[in-house]
PDB file of N, CA and C in Angstrom:
ATOM      1  N   UNK A   1      34.584 -33.753  16.487  1.00  0.00           N
ATOM      2  CA  UNK A   1      35.201 -32.683  15.733  1.00  0.00           C
ATOM      3  C   UNK A   1      34.156 -32.109  14.776  1.00  0.00           C
ATOM      4  N   UNK A   2      34.284 -30.872  14.487  1.00  0.00           N
ATOM      5  CA  UNK A   2      33.369 -30.214  13.553  1.00  0.00           C
ATOM      6  C   UNK A   2      34.088 -30.014  12.233  1.00  0.00           C
ATOM      7  N   UNK A   3      33.430 -30.408  11.146  1.00  0.00           N
ATOM      8  CA  UNK A   3      33.990 -30.268   9.808  1.00  0.00           C
ATOM      9  C   UNK A   3      32.921 -29.661   8.902  1.00  0.00           C
ATOM     10  N   UNK A   4      33.349 -29.231   7.726  1.00  0.00           N
ATOM     11  CA  UNK A   4      32.391 -28.666   6.779  1.00  0.00           C
ATOM     12  C   UNK A   4      31.543 -29.763   6.169  1.00  0.00           C
ATOM     13  N   UNK A   5      30.279 -29.480   6.008  1.00  0.00           N
ATOM     14  CA  UNK A   5      29.348 -30.445   5.432  1.00  0.00           C
ATOM     15  C   UNK A   5      29.524 -30.512   3.921  1.00  0.00           C
ATOM     16  N   UNK A   6      29.396 -31.714   3.359  1.00  0.00           N
ATOM     17  CA  UNK A   6      29.444 -31.819   1.895  1.00  0.00           C
ATOM     18  C   UNK A   6      28.125 -31.373   1.283  1.00  0.00           C
ATOM     19  N   UNK A   7      28.137 -31.057   0.022  1.00  0.00           N
ATOM     20  CA  UNK A   7      26.908 -30.713  -0.682  1.00  0.00           C
ATOM     21  C   UNK A   7      26.544 -29.251  -0.559  1.00  0.00           C
ATOM     22  N   UNK A   8      25.392 -28.882  -1.111  1.00  0.00           N
ATOM     23  CA  UNK A   8      24.973 -27.481  -1.101  1.00  0.00           C
ATOM     24  C   UNK A   8      24.627 -27.015   0.311  1.00  0.00           C
ATOM     25  N   UNK A   9      24.942 -25.766   0.601  1.00  0.00           N
ATOM     26  CA  UNK A   9      24.667 -25.266   1.935  1.00  0.00           C
ATOM     27  C   UNK A   9      24.175 -23.840   1.972  1.00  0.00           C
ATOM     28  N   UNK A  10      23.877 -23.279   0.834  1.00  0.00           N
ATOM     29  CA  UNK A  10      23.376 -21.905   0.821  1.00  0.00           C
ATOM     30  C   UNK A  10      24.462 -20.906   1.147  1.00  0.00           C
ATOM     31  N   UNK A  11      24.101 -19.869   1.865  1.00  0.00           N
ATOM     32  CA  UNK A  11      25.034 -18.790   2.164  1.00  0.00           C
ATOM     33  C   UNK A  11      26.178 -19.218   3.067  1.00  0.00           C
ATOM     34  N   UNK A  12      25.969 -20.244   3.881  1.00  0.00           N
ATOM     35  CA  UNK A  12      26.991 -20.627   4.859  1.00  0.00           C
ATOM     36  C   UNK A  12      27.984 -21.660   4.348  1.00  0.00           C
ATOM     37  N   UNK A  13      27.815 -22.128   3.112  1.00  0.00           N
ATOM     38  CA  UNK A  13      28.752 -23.105   2.575  1.00  0.00           C
ATOM     39  C   UNK A  13      30.143 -22.483   2.532  1.00  0.00           C
ATOM     40  N   UNK A  14      31.131 -23.248   2.860  1.00  0.00           N
ATOM     41  CA  UNK A  14      32.538 -22.823   2.919  1.00  0.00           C
ATOM     42  C   UNK A  14      32.825 -21.859   4.074  1.00  0.00           C
ATOM     43  N   UNK A  15      31.874 -21.634   4.975  1.00  0.00           N
ATOM     44  CA  UNK A  15      32.105 -20.733   6.102  1.00  0.00           C
ATOM     45  C   UNK A  15      31.944 -21.429   7.444  1.00  0.00           C
ATOM     46  N   UNK A  16      30.931 -22.268   7.573  1.00  0.00           N
ATOM     47  CA  UNK A  16      30.631 -22.874   8.867  1.00  0.00           C
ATOM     48  C   UNK A  16      30.915 -24.366   8.865  1.00  0.00           C
ATOM     49  N   UNK A  17      31.487 -24.844   9.951  1.00  0.00           N
ATOM     50  CA  UNK A  17      31.721 -26.279  10.125  1.00  0.00           C
ATOM     51  C   UNK A  17      30.582 -26.833  10.970  1.00  0.00           C
ATOM     52  N   UNK A  18      29.578 -27.389  10.317  1.00  0.00           N
ATOM     53  CA  UNK A  18      28.414 -27.881  11.053  1.00  0.00           C
ATOM     54  C   UNK A  18      28.325 -29.397  11.087  1.00  0.00           C
ATOM     55  N   UNK A  19      29.076 -30.088  10.248  1.00  0.00           N
ATOM     56  CA  UNK A  19      29.042 -31.551  10.255  1.00  0.00           C
ATOM     57  C   UNK A  19      29.800 -32.062  11.476  1.00  0.00           C
ATOM     58  N   UNK A  20      29.332 -33.154  12.037  1.00  0.00           N
ATOM     59  CA  UNK A  20      29.934 -33.724  13.235  1.00  0.00           C
ATOM     60  C   UNK A  20      30.682 -34.998  12.860  1.00  0.00           C
ATOM     61  N   UNK A  21      31.898 -35.123  13.360  1.00  0.00           N
ATOM     62  CA  UNK A  21      32.691 -36.335  13.190  1.00  0.00           C
ATOM     63  C   UNK A  21      32.922 -36.935  14.566  1.00  0.00           C
ATOM     64  N   UNK A  22      32.430 -38.142  14.749  1.00  0.00           N
ATOM     65  CA  UNK A  22      32.558 -38.830  16.032  1.00  0.00           C
ATOM     66  C   UNK A  22      33.481 -40.025  15.831  1.00  0.00           C
ATOM     67  N   UNK A  23      34.479 -40.166  16.699  1.00  0.00           N
ATOM     68  CA  UNK A  23      35.419 -41.286  16.625  1.00  0.00           C
ATOM     69  C   UNK A  23      35.321 -42.105  17.902  1.00  0.00           C
ATOM     70  N   UNK A  24      35.286 -43.426  17.739  1.00  0.00           N
ATOM     71  CA  UNK A  24      35.212 -44.342  18.872  1.00  0.00           C
ATOM     72  C   UNK A  24      36.359 -45.332  18.734  1.00  0.00           C
ATOM     73  N   UNK A  25      37.299 -45.311  19.689  1.00  0.00           N
ATOM     74  CA  UNK A  25      38.454 -46.206  19.651  1.00  0.00           C
ATOM     75  C   UNK A  25      38.038 -47.577  20.180  1.00  0.00           C
ATOM     76  N   UNK A  26      37.959 -48.550  19.285  1.00  0.00           N
ATOM     77  CA  UNK A  26      37.458 -49.881  19.625  1.00  0.00           C
ATOM     78  C   UNK A  26      38.402 -50.593  20.597  1.00  0.00           C
ATOM     79  N   UNK A  27      39.690 -50.611  20.300  1.00  0.00           N
ATOM     80  CA  UNK A  27      40.646 -51.336  21.137  1.00  0.00           C
ATOM     81  C   UNK A  27      40.810 -50.738  22.522  1.00  0.00           C
ATOM     82  N   UNK A  28      40.478 -49.480  22.694  1.00  0.00           N
ATOM     83  CA  UNK A  28      40.668 -48.816  23.971  1.00  0.00           C
ATOM     84  C   UNK A  28      39.476 -48.898  24.908  1.00  0.00           C
ATOM     85  N   UNK A  29      38.393 -49.486  24.466  1.00  0.00           N
ATOM     86  CA  UNK A  29      37.204 -49.517  25.314  1.00  0.00           C
ATOM     87  C   UNK A  29      37.246 -50.685  26.294  1.00  0.00           C
ATOM     88  N   UNK A  30      36.761 -50.435  27.482  1.00  0.00           N
ATOM     89  CA  UNK A  30      36.641 -51.492  28.484  1.00  0.00           C
ATOM     90  C   UNK A  30      35.182 -51.912  28.629  1.00  0.00           C
ATOM     91  N   UNK A  31      34.311 -51.340  27.806  1.00  0.00           N
ATOM     92  CA  UNK A  31      32.888 -51.655  27.856  1.00  0.00           C
ATOM     93  C   UNK A  31      32.580 -53.022  27.253  1.00  0.00           C
ATOM     94  N   UNK A  32      33.476 -53.515  26.392  1.00  0.00           N
ATOM     95  CA  UNK A  32      33.261 -54.784  25.700  1.00  0.00           C
ATOM     96  C   UNK A  32      34.429 -55.728  25.956  1.00  0.00           C
ATOM     97  N   UNK A  33      34.145 -57.036  25.932  1.00  0.00           N
ATOM     98  CA  UNK A  33      35.235 -58.007  25.989  1.00  0.00           C
ATOM     99  C   UNK A  33      35.809 -58.148  24.577  1.00  0.00           C
ATOM    100  N   UNK A  34      36.840 -58.971  24.417  1.00  0.00           N
ATOM    101  CA  UNK A  34      37.500 -59.082  23.111  1.00  0.00           C
ATOM    102  C   UNK A  34      36.544 -59.591  22.031  1.00  0.00           C
ATOM    103  N   UNK A  35      35.675 -60.515  22.351  1.00  0.00           N
ATOM    104  CA  UNK A  35      34.708 -61.016  21.373  1.00  0.00           C
ATOM    105  C   UNK A  35      33.767 -59.894  20.930  1.00  0.00           C
ATOM    106  N   UNK A  36      33.349 -59.060  21.852  1.00  0.00           N
ATOM    107  CA  UNK A  36      32.481 -57.929  21.524  1.00  0.00           C
ATOM    108  C   UNK A  36      33.190 -56.902  20.664  1.00  0.00           C
ATOM    109  N   UNK A  37      34.477 -56.651  20.964  1.00  0.00           N
ATOM    110  CA  UNK A  37      35.248 -55.711  20.147  1.00  0.00           C
ATOM    111  C   UNK A  37      35.415 -56.235  18.720  1.00  0.00           C
ATOM    112  N   UNK A  38      35.671 -57.527  18.575  1.00  0.00           N
ATOM    113  CA  UNK A  38      35.811 -58.117  17.241  1.00  0.00           C
ATOM    114  C   UNK A  38      34.502 -58.036  16.462  1.00  0.00           C
ATOM    115  N   UNK A  39      33.399 -58.283  17.129  1.00  0.00           N
ATOM    116  CA  UNK A  39      32.085 -58.184  16.471  1.00  0.00           C
ATOM    117  C   UNK A  39      31.820 -56.752  16.027  1.00  0.00           C
ATOM    118  N   UNK A  40      32.154 -55.792  16.885  1.00  0.00           N
ATOM    119  CA  UNK A  40      31.970 -54.384  16.546  1.00  0.00           C
ATOM    120  C   UNK A  40      32.820 -53.998  15.342  1.00  0.00           C
ATOM    121  N   UNK A  41      34.047 -54.503  15.283  1.00  0.00           N
ATOM    122  CA  UNK A  41      34.921 -54.220  14.132  1.00  0.00           C
ATOM    123  C   UNK A  41      34.303 -54.759  12.842  1.00  0.00           C
ATOM    124  N   UNK A  42      33.751 -55.962  12.895  1.00  0.00           N
ATOM    125  CA  UNK A  42      33.118 -56.543  11.705  1.00  0.00           C
ATOM    126  C   UNK A  42      31.908 -55.724  11.277  1.00  0.00           C
ATOM    127  N   UNK A  43      31.098 -55.317  12.248  1.00  0.00           N
ATOM    128  CA  UNK A  43      29.894 -54.544  11.943  1.00  0.00           C
ATOM    129  C   UNK A  43      30.218 -53.151  11.403  1.00  0.00           C
ATOM    130  N   UNK A  44      31.349 -52.592  11.810  1.00  0.00           N
ATOM    131  CA  UNK A  44      31.721 -51.237  11.405  1.00  0.00           C
ATOM    132  C   UNK A  44      32.024 -51.157   9.908  1.00  0.00           C
ATOM    133  N   UNK A  45      32.525 -52.218   9.330  1.00  0.00           N
ATOM    134  CA  UNK A  45      32.823 -52.222   7.892  1.00  0.00           C
ATOM    135  C   UNK A  45      33.781 -51.121   7.496  1.00  0.00           C
ATOM    136  N   UNK A  46      33.396 -50.320   6.497  1.00  0.00           N
ATOM    137  CA  UNK A  46      34.272 -49.253   5.980  1.00  0.00           C
ATOM    138  C   UNK A  46      34.483 -48.117   6.965  1.00  0.00           C
ATOM    139  N   UNK A  47      33.650 -48.047   7.989  1.00  0.00           N
ATOM    140  CA  UNK A  47      33.797 -46.963   8.972  1.00  0.00           C
ATOM    141  C   UNK A  47      34.953 -47.203   9.936  1.00  0.00           C
ATOM    142  N   UNK A  48      35.519 -48.418   9.938  1.00  0.00           N
ATOM    143  CA  UNK A  48      36.661 -48.729  10.807  1.00  0.00           C
ATOM    144  C   UNK A  48      37.935 -48.225  10.145  1.00  0.00           C
ATOM    145  N   UNK A  49      38.689 -47.391  10.863  1.00  0.00           N
ATOM    146  CA  UNK A  49      39.915 -46.817  10.319  1.00  0.00           C
ATOM    147  C   UNK A  49      41.115 -47.708  10.628  1.00  0.00           C
ATOM    148  N   UNK A  50      42.239 -47.389  10.040  1.00  0.00           N
ATOM    149  CA  UNK A  50      43.491 -48.117  10.306  1.00  0.00           C
ATOM    150  C   UNK A  50      43.944 -47.965  11.747  1.00  0.00           C
ATOM    151  N   UNK A  51      43.486 -46.907  12.402  1.00  0.00           N
ATOM    152  CA  UNK A  51      43.844 -46.647  13.803  1.00  0.00           C
ATOM    153  C   UNK A  51      42.895 -47.344  14.771  1.00  0.00           C
ATOM    154  N   UNK A  52      42.081 -48.273  14.258  1.00  0.00           N
ATOM    155  CA  UNK A  52      41.141 -49.044  15.073  1.00  0.00           C
ATOM    156  C   UNK A  52      40.076 -48.148  15.702  1.00  0.00           C
ATOM    157  N   UNK A  53      39.643 -47.144  14.945  1.00  0.00           N
ATOM    158  CA  UNK A  53      38.576 -46.253  15.391  1.00  0.00           C
ATOM    159  C   UNK A  53      37.390 -46.389  14.441  1.00  0.00           C
ATOM    160  N   UNK A  54      36.198 -46.285  14.988  1.00  0.00           N
ATOM    161  CA  UNK A  54      35.006 -46.216  14.155  1.00  0.00           C
ATOM    162  C   UNK A  54      34.721 -44.740  13.932  1.00  0.00           C
ATOM    163  N   UNK A  55      34.619 -44.356  12.684  1.00  0.00           N
ATOM    164  CA  UNK A  55      34.390 -42.968  12.310  1.00  0.00           C
ATOM    165  C   UNK A  55      32.936 -42.809  11.869  1.00  0.00           C
ATOM    166  N   UNK A  56      32.205 -41.979  12.593  1.00  0.00           N
ATOM    167  CA  UNK A  56      30.811 -41.699  12.284  1.00  0.00           C
ATOM    168  C   UNK A  56      30.708 -40.232  11.900  1.00  0.00           C
ATOM    169  N   UNK A  57      30.124 -39.968  10.731  1.00  0.00           N
ATOM    170  CA  UNK A  57      29.939 -38.591  10.278  1.00  0.00           C
ATOM    171  C   UNK A  57      28.455 -38.302  10.148  1.00  0.00           C
ATOM    172  N   UNK A  58      28.051 -37.156  10.651  1.00  0.00           N
ATOM    173  CA  UNK A  58      26.651 -36.733  10.575  1.00  0.00           C
ATOM    174  C   UNK A  58      26.608 -35.339   9.962  1.00  0.00           C
ATOM    175  N   UNK A  59      25.815 -35.191   8.893  1.00  0.00           N
ATOM    176  CA  UNK A  59      25.721 -33.883   8.238  1.00  0.00           C
ATOM    177  C   UNK A  59      24.342 -33.640   7.631  1.00  0.00           C
ATOM    178  N   UNK A  60      23.317 -34.311   8.181  1.00  0.00           N
ATOM    179  CA  UNK A  60      21.952 -34.123   7.667  1.00  0.00           C
ATOM    180  C   UNK A  60      21.361 -32.776   8.061  1.00  0.00           C
ATOM    181  N   UNK A  61      21.759 -32.262   9.205  1.00  0.00           N
ATOM    182  CA  UNK A  61      21.172 -31.028   9.728  1.00  0.00           C
ATOM    183  C   UNK A  61      22.068 -29.831   9.421  1.00  0.00           C
ATOM    184  N   UNK A  62      21.488 -28.659   9.510  1.00  0.00           N
ATOM    185  CA  UNK A  62      22.261 -27.439   9.263  1.00  0.00           C
ATOM    186  C   UNK A  62      22.920 -26.900  10.529  1.00  0.00           C
ATOM    187  N   UNK A  63      22.588 -27.485  11.674  1.00  0.00           N
ATOM    188  CA  UNK A  63      23.161 -26.993  12.928  1.00  0.00           C
ATOM    189  C   UNK A  63      24.111 -28.028  13.524  1.00  0.00           C
ATOM    190  N   UNK A  64      25.086 -27.540  14.291  1.00  0.00           N
ATOM    191  CA  UNK A  64      26.006 -28.436  14.982  1.00  0.00           C
ATOM    192  C   UNK A  64      25.256 -29.323  15.959  1.00  0.00           C
ATOM    193  N   UNK A  65      24.342 -28.752  16.701  1.00  0.00           N
ATOM    194  CA  UNK A  65      23.613 -29.518  17.710  1.00  0.00           C
ATOM    195  C   UNK A  65      22.793 -30.649  17.076  1.00  0.00           C
ATOM    196  N   UNK A  66      22.134 -30.356  15.968  1.00  0.00           N
ATOM    197  CA  UNK A  66      21.361 -31.394  15.280  1.00  0.00           C
ATOM    198  C   UNK A  66      22.257 -32.527  14.793  1.00  0.00           C
ATOM    199  N   UNK A  67      23.410 -32.201  14.264  1.00  0.00           N
ATOM    200  CA  UNK A  67      24.343 -33.212  13.786  1.00  0.00           C
ATOM    201  C   UNK A  67      24.999 -33.966  14.938  1.00  0.00           C
ATOM    202  N   UNK A  68      25.222 -33.306  16.051  1.00  0.00           N
ATOM    203  CA  UNK A  68      25.775 -33.993  17.228  1.00  0.00           C
ATOM    204  C   UNK A  68      24.801 -35.055  17.718  1.00  0.00           C
ATOM    205  N   UNK A  69      23.530 -34.707  17.825  1.00  0.00           N
ATOM    206  CA  UNK A  69      22.519 -35.685  18.251  1.00  0.00           C
ATOM    207  C   UNK A  69      22.436 -36.841  17.266  1.00  0.00           C
ATOM    208  N   UNK A  70      22.486 -36.523  16.000  1.00  0.00           N
ATOM    209  CA  UNK A  70      22.412 -37.540  14.950  1.00  0.00           C
ATOM    210  C   UNK A  70      23.594 -38.513  15.041  1.00  0.00           C
ATOM    211  N   UNK A  71      24.788 -38.008  15.252  1.00  0.00           N
ATOM    212  CA  UNK A  71      25.983 -38.859  15.352  1.00  0.00           C
ATOM    213  C   UNK A  71      25.909 -39.764  16.577  1.00  0.00           C
ATOM    214  N   UNK A  72      25.447 -39.229  17.692  1.00  0.00           N
ATOM    215  CA  UNK A  72      25.370 -40.036  18.909  1.00  0.00           C
ATOM    216  C   UNK A  72      24.319 -41.145  18.796  1.00  0.00           C
ATOM    217  N   UNK A  73      23.243 -40.862  18.071  1.00  0.00           N
ATOM    218  CA  UNK A  73      22.207 -41.886  17.877  1.00  0.00           C
ATOM    219  C   UNK A  73      22.759 -43.007  17.037  1.00  0.00           C
TER     220      UNK A  73
END
């Protein structure tokens, strides 16, 4: 999802949604066994939501594409 970036943004502040929000549903993945999912939940810390999703936000770049790459990394 695209959201507005926090902090100063020059002329485009309050106009463009360039920050990237990436959500990963831990309980719904088949890539990990239960032990792996539990470890991922522990490692996620505050980024783990009540809906069992890891929320990653990227807003270092001024472009959507730059923030998308950053979130995926």
